[in-house]
Amino acid sequence: MELEMFVCDAFTTQRFKGNAAAVVPVCEWLCDDIMQSIASENNLSETAFIKPTGANQYAIRWFSPSSEVNFCGHATLAAAFCLYQFYDVEGKISFDTLHVSTLNVEKDLSGRILMTFPNRLPIESECPAEVFESLSIRPTKVLKTSQAYFAVFDNEEQVKQVKVRREYLEKLAPYELIVTAKGQDHDFISRYFWPDVGDCEDPVTGSAHSSLAPYWASQLNKNNLKGYQASKRGGIVYCHVTDDNVIVSGHAVLYSRSKIYI
């Protein structure tokens, strides 16, 4: 079997920045083991598989190198970019998912891709000792979302300098770890850690901004925000917050278009 595959850098206008994701369009789902093997072979933080289900409607599934994941923003952005760029899709796209609500995506006149995500404001919760043990700098506050523990720091430099200890990060599973602070040149900055990627750090995490944006909207008293994810690659994420949703948006660029053989 021959399949087309794209690799895109998401949340950036520059190649080798943002977060790379592979996109594999299929007519029917491959078996789970094969999709997992493709994602492992790619060794990117996510590989998205998309299957048409109707007019401008697709089912989407995301795989890290080690497992299927419930929700991924940057690979959704990459998938939409490919559909707009190479499959003559116009207008709004709906992605049906297994674990989150239907994700509606559209493109504005600037080429920025806008994804409507659920508003997942972090909440106060009991914090396990492993959160503090996993971080080299102690945060001022720790909250929680359905996806990750959410550590708030005093300033941007602490977010840039903090290091994580994998052995404690792994003990937080199934939760991952977001660190964040108010930004200097952006409304807020963040980093995202999970042990499924090689150095434990995800370059730019769209799904995390469904929590980051509502938190900082409440802190800064504004609904339109610009976030920077301060990984080595770095990426810009634009956010608009409503009571029910967060519109997370950004650009993408193509790195490669190829054939894979199964």
C-alpha atoms as a PDB file:
ATOM      1  CA  MET A   1       0.000   0.000   0.000  1.00  0.00           C
ATOM      2  CA  GLU A   2       1.253   3.459  -0.943  1.00  0.00           C
ATOM      3  CA  LEU A   3       0.193   6.515   1.069  1.00  0.00           C
ATOM      4  CA  GLU A   4       0.999  10.195   0.827  1.00  0.00           C
ATOM      5  CA  MET A   5       2.545  11.867   3.866  1.00  0.00           C
ATOM      6  CA  PHE A   6       3.253  15.490   4.671  1.00  0.00           C
ATOM      7  CA  VAL A   7       5.489  16.939   7.382  1.00  0.00           C
ATOM      8  CA  CYS A   8       4.670  20.503   8.432  1.00  0.00           C
ATOM      9  CA  ASP A   9       6.095  22.925  10.968  1.00  0.00           C
ATOM     10  CA  ALA A  10       3.131  24.334  12.907  1.00  0.00           C
ATOM     11  CA  PHE A  11       2.747  27.621  14.799  1.00  0.00           C
ATOM     12  CA  THR A  12       5.478  29.253  12.769  1.00  0.00           C
ATOM     13  CA  THR A  13       6.194  30.887   9.423  1.00  0.00           C
ATOM     14  CA  GLN A  14       9.766  29.498   9.355  1.00  0.00           C
ATOM     15  CA  ARG A  15      10.930  25.978   8.629  1.00  0.00           C
ATOM     16  CA  PHE A  16      12.721  24.265  11.508  1.00  0.00           C
ATOM     17  CA  LYS A  17      10.767  26.382  14.012  1.00  0.00           C
ATOM     18  CA  GLY A  18       7.437  25.666  15.682  1.00  0.00           C
ATOM     19  CA  ASN A  19       6.423  22.036  16.112  1.00  0.00           C
ATOM     20  CA  ALA A  20       6.764  19.436  13.371  1.00  0.00           C
ATOM     21  CA  ALA A  21       3.867  17.071  12.697  1.00  0.00           C
ATOM     22  CA  ALA A  22       3.296  14.404  10.086  1.00  0.00           C
ATOM     23  CA  VAL A  23      -0.068  14.168   8.322  1.00  0.00           C
ATOM     24  CA  VAL A  24      -1.225  10.966   6.619  1.00  0.00           C
ATOM     25  CA  PRO A  25      -4.540  11.136   4.690  1.00  0.00           C
ATOM     26  CA  VAL A  26      -6.297   7.766   4.431  1.00  0.00           C
ATOM     27  CA  CYS A  27      -9.524   6.541   2.839  1.00  0.00           C
ATOM     28  CA  GLU A  28     -10.103   4.030   5.650  1.00  0.00           C
ATOM     29  CA  TRP A  29      -8.366   3.621   8.985  1.00  0.00           C
ATOM     30  CA  LEU A  30      -5.303   1.426   9.000  1.00  0.00           C
ATOM     31  CA  CYS A  31      -5.095  -1.006  11.886  1.00  0.00           C
ATOM     32  CA  ASP A  32      -3.952   0.620  15.109  1.00  0.00           C
ATOM     33  CA  ASP A  33      -0.650  -1.238  15.161  1.00  0.00           C
ATOM     34  CA  ILE A  34       0.260   0.041  11.704  1.00  0.00           C
ATOM     35  CA  MET A  35      -0.639   3.647  12.566  1.00  0.00           C
ATOM     36  CA  GLN A  36       1.419   3.371  15.736  1.00  0.00           C
ATOM     37  CA  SER A  37       4.342   1.924  13.768  1.00  0.00           C
ATOM     38  CA  ILE A  38       4.200   4.821  11.288  1.00  0.00           C
ATOM     39  CA  ALA A  39       4.226   7.335  14.142  1.00  0.00           C
ATOM     40  CA  SER A  40       7.123   5.531  15.803  1.00  0.00           C
ATOM     41  CA  GLU A  41       9.043   5.464  12.523  1.00  0.00           C
ATOM     42  CA  ASN A  42       8.443   9.205  12.045  1.00  0.00           C
ATOM     43  CA  ASN A  43       9.621   9.880  15.612  1.00  0.00           C
ATOM     44  CA  LEU A  44       7.887  13.267  15.670  1.00  0.00           C
ATOM     45  CA  SER A  45       5.867  14.404  18.651  1.00  0.00           C
ATOM     46  CA  GLU A  46       2.675  13.641  16.680  1.00  0.00           C
ATOM     47  CA  THR A  47       1.509  11.989  13.492  1.00  0.00           C
ATOM     48  CA  ALA A  48      -2.080  12.778  12.470  1.00  0.00           C
ATOM     49  CA  PHE A  49      -4.209  10.438  10.376  1.00  0.00           C
ATOM     50  CA  ILE A  50      -7.224  12.014   8.672  1.00  0.00           C
ATOM     51  CA  LYS A  51     -10.125  10.217   6.981  1.00  0.00           C
ATOM     52  CA  PRO A  52     -12.888  11.971   4.995  1.00  0.00           C
ATOM     53  CA  THR A  53     -16.391  11.433   6.376  1.00  0.00           C
ATOM     54  CA  GLY A  54     -18.378  14.082   4.478  1.00  0.00           C
ATOM     55  CA  ALA A  55     -18.166  17.463   2.770  1.00  0.00           C
ATOM     56  CA  ASN A  56     -15.353  19.332   4.557  1.00  0.00           C
ATOM     57  CA  GLN A  57     -15.655  16.812   7.375  1.00  0.00           C
ATOM     58  CA  TYR A  58     -12.904  14.454   8.533  1.00  0.00           C
ATOM     59  CA  ALA A  59     -12.178  12.080  11.346  1.00  0.00           C
ATOM     60  CA  ILE A  60      -8.771  12.658  12.918  1.00  0.00           C
ATOM     61  CA  ARG A  61      -6.551  10.545  15.165  1.00  0.00           C
ATOM     62  CA  TRP A  62      -3.194  11.471  16.656  1.00  0.00           C
ATOM     63  CA  PHE A  63      -0.271   9.220  17.583  1.00  0.00           C
ATOM     64  CA  SER A  64       2.919  10.037  19.451  1.00  0.00           C
ATOM     65  CA  PRO A  65       5.935   7.735  18.898  1.00  0.00           C
ATOM     66  CA  SER A  66       4.685   5.544  21.758  1.00  0.00           C
ATOM     67  CA  SER A  67       0.877   5.794  21.958  1.00  0.00           C
ATOM     68  CA  GLU A  68      -2.345   7.254  20.625  1.00  0.00           C
ATOM     69  CA  VAL A  69      -3.146  10.587  22.265  1.00  0.00           C
ATOM     70  CA  ASN A  70      -6.491  12.153  23.101  1.00  0.00           C
ATOM     71  CA  PHE A  71      -5.973  15.703  21.821  1.00  0.00           C
ATOM     72  CA  CYS A  72      -3.328  17.461  19.740  1.00  0.00           C
ATOM     73  CA  GLY A  73      -3.443  21.029  18.507  1.00  0.00           C
ATOM     74  CA  HIS A  74      -0.347  21.419  16.343  1.00  0.00           C
ATOM     75  CA  ALA A  75      -1.040  18.261  14.316  1.00  0.00           C
ATOM     76  CA  THR A  76      -4.641  19.442  13.805  1.00  0.00           C
ATOM     77  CA  LEU A  77      -3.282  22.732  12.474  1.00  0.00           C
ATOM     78  CA  ALA A  78      -0.896  20.801  10.189  1.00  0.00           C
ATOM     79  CA  ALA A  79      -3.745  18.590   8.939  1.00  0.00           C
ATOM     80  CA  ALA A  80      -5.900  21.609   8.099  1.00  0.00           C
ATOM     81  CA  PHE A  81      -2.957  23.313   6.383  1.00  0.00           C
ATOM     82  CA  CYS A  82      -2.477  20.274   4.136  1.00  0.00           C
ATOM     83  CA  LEU A  83      -6.159  20.087   3.251  1.00  0.00           C
ATOM     84  CA  TYR A  84      -6.267  23.775   2.344  1.00  0.00           C
ATOM     85  CA  GLN A  85      -2.941  23.729   0.512  1.00  0.00           C
ATOM     86  CA  PHE A  86      -3.015  20.430  -1.387  1.00  0.00           C
ATOM     87  CA  TYR A  87      -6.593  19.112  -1.489  1.00  0.00           C
ATOM     88  CA  ASP A  88      -8.455  22.234  -2.678  1.00  0.00           C
ATOM     89  CA  VAL A  89     -10.548  22.387   0.495  1.00  0.00           C
ATOM     90  CA  GLU A  90     -12.222  25.756   1.108  1.00  0.00           C
ATOM     91  CA  GLY A  91     -14.213  27.131   4.013  1.00  0.00           C
ATOM     92  CA  LYS A  92     -14.695  25.589   7.430  1.00  0.00           C
ATOM     93  CA  ILE A  93     -13.374  22.101   8.204  1.00  0.00           C
ATOM     94  CA  SER A  94     -14.801  19.876  10.947  1.00  0.00           C
ATOM     95  CA  PHE A  95     -12.593  17.237  12.574  1.00  0.00           C
ATOM     96  CA  ASP A  96     -14.398  14.484  14.455  1.00  0.00           C
ATOM     97  CA  THR A  97     -12.330  13.044  17.305  1.00  0.00           C
ATOM     98  CA  LEU A  98     -12.552  10.060  19.616  1.00  0.00           C
ATOM     99  CA  HIS A  99     -11.982  11.888  22.898  1.00  0.00           C
ATOM    100  CA  VAL A 100     -12.790  15.599  22.553  1.00  0.00           C
ATOM    101  CA  SER A 101     -15.638  17.447  20.905  1.00  0.00           C
ATOM    102  CA  THR A 102     -15.719  18.100  17.160  1.00  0.00           C
ATOM    103  CA  LEU A 103     -12.987  20.601  16.303  1.00  0.00           C
ATOM    104  CA  ASN A 104     -13.998  23.307  13.829  1.00  0.00           C
ATOM    105  CA  VAL A 105     -11.199  24.904  11.825  1.00  0.00           C
ATOM    106  CA  GLU A 106     -11.095  27.739   9.315  1.00  0.00           C
ATOM    107  CA  LYS A 107      -8.541  29.946   7.587  1.00  0.00           C
ATOM    108  CA  ASP A 108      -8.523  33.738   7.650  1.00  0.00           C
ATOM    109  CA  LEU A 109      -7.397  36.081   4.858  1.00  0.00           C
ATOM    110  CA  SER A 110      -3.838  36.220   6.206  1.00  0.00           C
ATOM    111  CA  GLY A 111      -3.509  32.443   5.920  1.00  0.00           C
ATOM    112  CA  ARG A 112      -3.618  31.920   9.664  1.00  0.00           C
ATOM    113  CA  ILE A 113      -5.506  28.762  10.636  1.00  0.00           C
ATOM    114  CA  LEU A 114      -8.064  29.168  13.447  1.00  0.00           C
ATOM    115  CA  MET A 115      -9.075  26.145  15.536  1.00  0.00           C
ATOM    116  CA  THR A 116     -12.010  26.221  17.955  1.00  0.00           C
ATOM    117  CA  PHE A 117     -11.128  24.260  21.082  1.00  0.00           C
ATOM    118  CA  PRO A 118     -13.073  23.742  24.316  1.00  0.00           C
ATOM    119  CA  ASN A 119     -12.325  26.226  27.103  1.00  0.00           C
ATOM    120  CA  ARG A 120     -10.431  24.199  29.726  1.00  0.00           C
ATOM    121  CA  LEU A 121      -9.695  26.732  32.448  1.00  0.00           C
ATOM    122  CA  PRO A 122      -7.310  25.172  34.995  1.00  0.00           C
ATOM    123  CA  ILE A 123      -8.670  24.637  38.488  1.00  0.00           C
ATOM    124  CA  GLU A 124      -7.243  24.357  41.972  1.00  0.00           C
ATOM    125  CA  SER A 125      -6.530  20.783  42.952  1.00  0.00           C
ATOM    126  CA  GLU A 126      -4.456  18.703  45.291  1.00  0.00           C
ATOM    127  CA  CYS A 127      -0.893  18.771  44.001  1.00  0.00           C
ATOM    128  CA  PRO A 128       1.318  15.680  44.232  1.00  0.00           C
ATOM    129  CA  ALA A 129       4.856  16.095  45.541  1.00  0.00           C
ATOM    130  CA  GLU A 130       6.166  14.844  42.175  1.00  0.00           C
ATOM    131  CA  VAL A 131       5.201  18.154  40.548  1.00  0.00           C
ATOM    132  CA  PHE A 132       7.645  20.046  42.772  1.00  0.00           C
ATOM    133  CA  GLU A 133      10.237  17.280  42.581  1.00  0.00           C
ATOM    134  CA  SER A 134      10.107  17.340  38.791  1.00  0.00           C
ATOM    135  CA  LEU A 135      10.976  21.063  38.569  1.00  0.00           C
ATOM    136  CA  SER A 136      14.354  22.679  39.302  1.00  0.00           C
ATOM    137  CA  ILE A 137      12.621  25.961  40.307  1.00  0.00           C
ATOM    138  CA  ARG A 138       9.628  26.007  42.632  1.00  0.00           C
ATOM    139  CA  PRO A 139       6.506  27.569  41.103  1.00  0.00           C
ATOM    140  CA  THR A 140       4.345  30.069  42.977  1.00  0.00           C
ATOM    141  CA  LYS A 141       1.103  28.255  42.148  1.00  0.00           C
ATOM    142  CA  VAL A 142       0.056  24.870  40.783  1.00  0.00           C
ATOM    143  CA  LEU A 143      -3.325  24.228  39.166  1.00  0.00           C
ATOM    144  CA  LYS A 144      -4.657  21.315  37.130  1.00  0.00           C
ATOM    145  CA  THR A 145      -6.452  20.635  33.871  1.00  0.00           C
ATOM    146  CA  SER A 146      -7.798  17.409  32.403  1.00  0.00           C
ATOM    147  CA  GLN A 147      -4.521  17.193  30.478  1.00  0.00           C
ATOM    148  CA  ALA A 148      -1.737  18.473  32.730  1.00  0.00           C
ATOM    149  CA  TYR A 149      -0.565  20.031  35.944  1.00  0.00           C
ATOM    150  CA  PHE A 150      -0.225  23.753  35.448  1.00  0.00           C
ATOM    151  CA  ALA A 151       2.705  25.466  37.230  1.00  0.00           C
ATOM    152  CA  VAL A 152       2.729  29.264  37.376  1.00  0.00           C
ATOM    153  CA  PHE A 153       6.021  31.120  37.868  1.00  0.00           C
ATOM    154  CA  ASP A 154       6.852  34.665  38.925  1.00  0.00           C
ATOM    155  CA  ASN A 155       8.531  35.720  35.710  1.00  0.00           C
ATOM    156  CA  GLU A 156       9.522  34.802  32.178  1.00  0.00           C
ATOM    157  CA  GLU A 157      13.155  34.044  33.004  1.00  0.00           C
ATOM    158  CA  GLN A 158      12.166  31.309  35.447  1.00  0.00           C
ATOM    159  CA  VAL A 159      10.107  29.609  32.730  1.00  0.00           C
ATOM    160  CA  LYS A 160      13.037  29.797  30.316  1.00  0.00           C
ATOM    161  CA  GLN A 161      15.555  28.495  32.868  1.00  0.00           C
ATOM    162  CA  VAL A 162      13.564  25.742  34.607  1.00  0.00           C
ATOM    163  CA  LYS A 163      14.628  22.146  34.028  1.00  0.00           C
ATOM    164  CA  VAL A 164      12.630  18.948  34.557  1.00  0.00           C
ATOM    165  CA  ARG A 165      13.581  15.598  36.045  1.00  0.00           C
ATOM    166  CA  ARG A 166      12.246  12.787  33.880  1.00  0.00           C
ATOM    167  CA  GLU A 167      11.952  10.234  36.706  1.00  0.00           C
ATOM    168  CA  TYR A 168       9.452  12.465  38.554  1.00  0.00           C
ATOM    169  CA  LEU A 169       7.711  13.657  35.393  1.00  0.00           C
ATOM    170  CA  GLU A 170       6.937  10.038  34.496  1.00  0.00           C
ATOM    171  CA  LYS A 171       5.236   9.570  37.861  1.00  0.00           C
ATOM    172  CA  LEU A 172       2.670  12.252  36.964  1.00  0.00           C
ATOM    173  CA  ALA A 173       1.184  10.080  34.191  1.00  0.00           C
ATOM    174  CA  PRO A 174      -1.397  10.273  32.738  1.00  0.00           C
ATOM    175  CA  TYR A 175      -0.943  13.991  33.411  1.00  0.00           C
ATOM    176  CA  GLU A 176       1.734  16.101  31.767  1.00  0.00           C
ATOM    177  CA  LEU A 177       3.224  19.412  32.908  1.00  0.00           C
ATOM    178  CA  ILE A 178       2.759  23.007  31.748  1.00  0.00           C
ATOM    179  CA  VAL A 179       4.942  25.836  33.084  1.00  0.00           C
ATOM    180  CA  THR A 180       3.960  29.430  32.427  1.00  0.00           C
ATOM    181  CA  ALA A 181       4.424  33.076  33.407  1.00  0.00           C
ATOM    182  CA  LYS A 182       3.369  36.519  32.254  1.00  0.00           C
ATOM    183  CA  GLY A 183       5.437  37.507  29.223  1.00  0.00           C
ATOM    184  CA  GLN A 184       7.542  40.544  28.445  1.00  0.00           C
ATOM    185  CA  ASP A 185       7.077  40.784  24.669  1.00  0.00           C
ATOM    186  CA  HIS A 186       4.019  38.502  24.622  1.00  0.00           C
ATOM    187  CA  ASP A 187       1.007  38.263  26.891  1.00  0.00           C
ATOM    188  CA  PHE A 188       2.320  35.014  28.366  1.00  0.00           C
ATOM    189  CA  ILE A 189       4.983  32.420  27.752  1.00  0.00           C
ATOM    190  CA  SER A 190       4.944  28.707  28.442  1.00  0.00           C
ATOM    191  CA  ARG A 191       6.758  25.405  28.075  1.00  0.00           C
ATOM    192  CA  TYR A 192       5.250  21.919  27.966  1.00  0.00           C
ATOM    193  CA  PHE A 193       6.802  18.719  29.271  1.00  0.00           C
ATOM    194  CA  TRP A 194       5.854  15.077  28.730  1.00  0.00           C
ATOM    195  CA  PRO A 195       8.026  11.971  28.659  1.00  0.00           C
ATOM    196  CA  ASP A 196       6.714  10.658  25.304  1.00  0.00           C
ATOM    197  CA  VAL A 197       9.111  12.971  23.419  1.00  0.00           C
ATOM    198  CA  GLY A 198      12.856  12.453  23.470  1.00  0.00           C
ATOM    199  CA  ASP A 199      13.994  15.332  25.680  1.00  0.00           C
ATOM    200  CA  CYS A 200      10.651  15.519  27.551  1.00  0.00           C
ATOM    201  CA  GLU A 201       9.783  18.887  25.998  1.00  0.00           C
ATOM    202  CA  ASP A 202       7.157  19.431  23.317  1.00  0.00           C
ATOM    203  CA  PRO A 203       8.186  22.353  21.053  1.00  0.00           C
ATOM    204  CA  VAL A 204       4.754  24.054  20.674  1.00  0.00           C
ATOM    205  CA  THR A 205       1.558  22.602  22.158  1.00  0.00           C
ATOM    206  CA  GLY A 206      -1.700  23.874  20.694  1.00  0.00           C
ATOM    207  CA  SER A 207      -3.932  21.866  23.023  1.00  0.00           C
ATOM    208  CA  ALA A 208      -2.261  23.392  26.106  1.00  0.00           C
ATOM    209  CA  HIS A 209      -3.449  26.816  25.005  1.00  0.00           C
ATOM    210  CA  SER A 210      -7.059  25.767  25.595  1.00  0.00           C
ATOM    211  CA  SER A 211      -6.017  26.108  29.270  1.00  0.00           C
ATOM    212  CA  LEU A 212      -3.258  28.717  29.070  1.00  0.00           C
ATOM    213  CA  ALA A 213      -5.381  31.271  27.237  1.00  0.00           C
ATOM    214  CA  PRO A 214      -8.395  31.276  29.617  1.00  0.00           C
ATOM    215  CA  TYR A 215      -6.081  31.413  32.641  1.00  0.00           C
ATOM    216  CA  TRP A 216      -4.171  34.425  31.340  1.00  0.00           C
ATOM    217  CA  ALA A 217      -7.354  36.046  30.031  1.00  0.00           C
ATOM    218  CA  SER A 218      -8.629  36.042  33.618  1.00  0.00           C
ATOM    219  CA  GLN A 219      -5.314  37.353  34.965  1.00  0.00           C
ATOM    220  CA  LEU A 220      -4.802  40.069  32.357  1.00  0.00           C
ATOM    221  CA  ASN A 221      -8.473  40.964  31.840  1.00  0.00           C
ATOM    222  CA  LYS A 222      -8.307  40.586  28.050  1.00  0.00           C
ATOM    223  CA  ASN A 223      -9.743  38.041  25.636  1.00  0.00           C
ATOM    224  CA  ASN A 224      -7.296  38.366  22.736  1.00  0.00           C
ATOM    225  CA  LEU A 225      -3.849  37.119  23.650  1.00  0.00           C
ATOM    226  CA  LYS A 226      -0.550  36.271  22.024  1.00  0.00           C
ATOM    227  CA  GLY A 227       1.429  33.458  23.592  1.00  0.00           C
ATOM    228  CA  TYR A 228       4.988  32.313  23.031  1.00  0.00           C
ATOM    229  CA  GLN A 229       6.075  28.747  23.738  1.00  0.00           C
ATOM    230  CA  ALA A 230       9.702  29.095  24.784  1.00  0.00           C
ATOM    231  CA  SER A 231      11.161  25.792  23.609  1.00  0.00           C
ATOM    232  CA  LYS A 232      14.366  25.579  21.561  1.00  0.00           C
ATOM    233  CA  ARG A 233      12.319  25.794  18.362  1.00  0.00           C
ATOM    234  CA  GLY A 234       9.821  28.334  19.705  1.00  0.00           C
ATOM    235  CA  GLY A 235       6.388  29.195  18.364  1.00  0.00           C
ATOM    236  CA  ILE A 236       3.717  31.896  18.388  1.00  0.00           C
ATOM    237  CA  VAL A 237       0.137  30.991  19.331  1.00  0.00           C
ATOM    238  CA  TYR A 238      -2.725  33.480  18.948  1.00  0.00           C
ATOM    239  CA  CYS A 239      -5.748  32.989  21.195  1.00  0.00           C
ATOM    240  CA  HIS A 240      -9.258  34.378  21.527  1.00  0.00           C
ATOM    241  CA  VAL A 241     -11.183  33.353  24.647  1.00  0.00           C
ATOM    242  CA  THR A 242     -14.953  33.028  25.018  1.00  0.00           C
ATOM    243  CA  ASP A 243     -16.982  31.529  27.852  1.00  0.00           C
ATOM    244  CA  ASP A 244     -17.165  28.117  26.164  1.00  0.00           C
ATOM    245  CA  ASN A 245     -14.301  28.017  23.674  1.00  0.00           C
ATOM    246  CA  VAL A 246     -10.776  29.111  22.905  1.00  0.00           C
ATOM    247  CA  ILE A 247      -9.894  29.927  19.312  1.00  0.00           C
ATOM    248  CA  VAL A 248      -6.265  28.869  18.985  1.00  0.00           C
ATOM    249  CA  SER A 249      -4.571  29.970  15.783  1.00  0.00           C
ATOM    250  CA  GLY A 250      -1.269  30.093  13.982  1.00  0.00           C
ATOM    251  CA  HIS A 251       0.572  29.549  10.738  1.00  0.00           C
ATOM    252  CA  ALA A 252       2.228  26.464   9.263  1.00  0.00           C
ATOM    253  CA  VAL A 253       4.842  25.744   6.596  1.00  0.00           C
ATOM    254  CA  LEU A 254       5.500  22.600   4.590  1.00  0.00           C
ATOM    255  CA  TYR A 255       8.754  20.755   5.224  1.00  0.00           C
ATOM    256  CA  SER A 256       8.240  17.640   3.103  1.00  0.00           C
ATOM    257  CA  ARG A 257       5.759  15.765   0.925  1.00  0.00           C
ATOM    258  CA  SER A 258       6.496  12.118   0.329  1.00  0.00           C
ATOM    259  CA  LYS A 259       5.201   8.592  -0.199  1.00  0.00           C
ATOM    260  CA  ILE A 260       5.240   5.883   2.428  1.00  0.00           C
ATOM    261  CA  TYR A 261       4.872   2.189   1.711  1.00  0.00           C
ATOM    262  CA  ILE A 262       2.981  -0.151   4.017  1.00  0.00           C
END
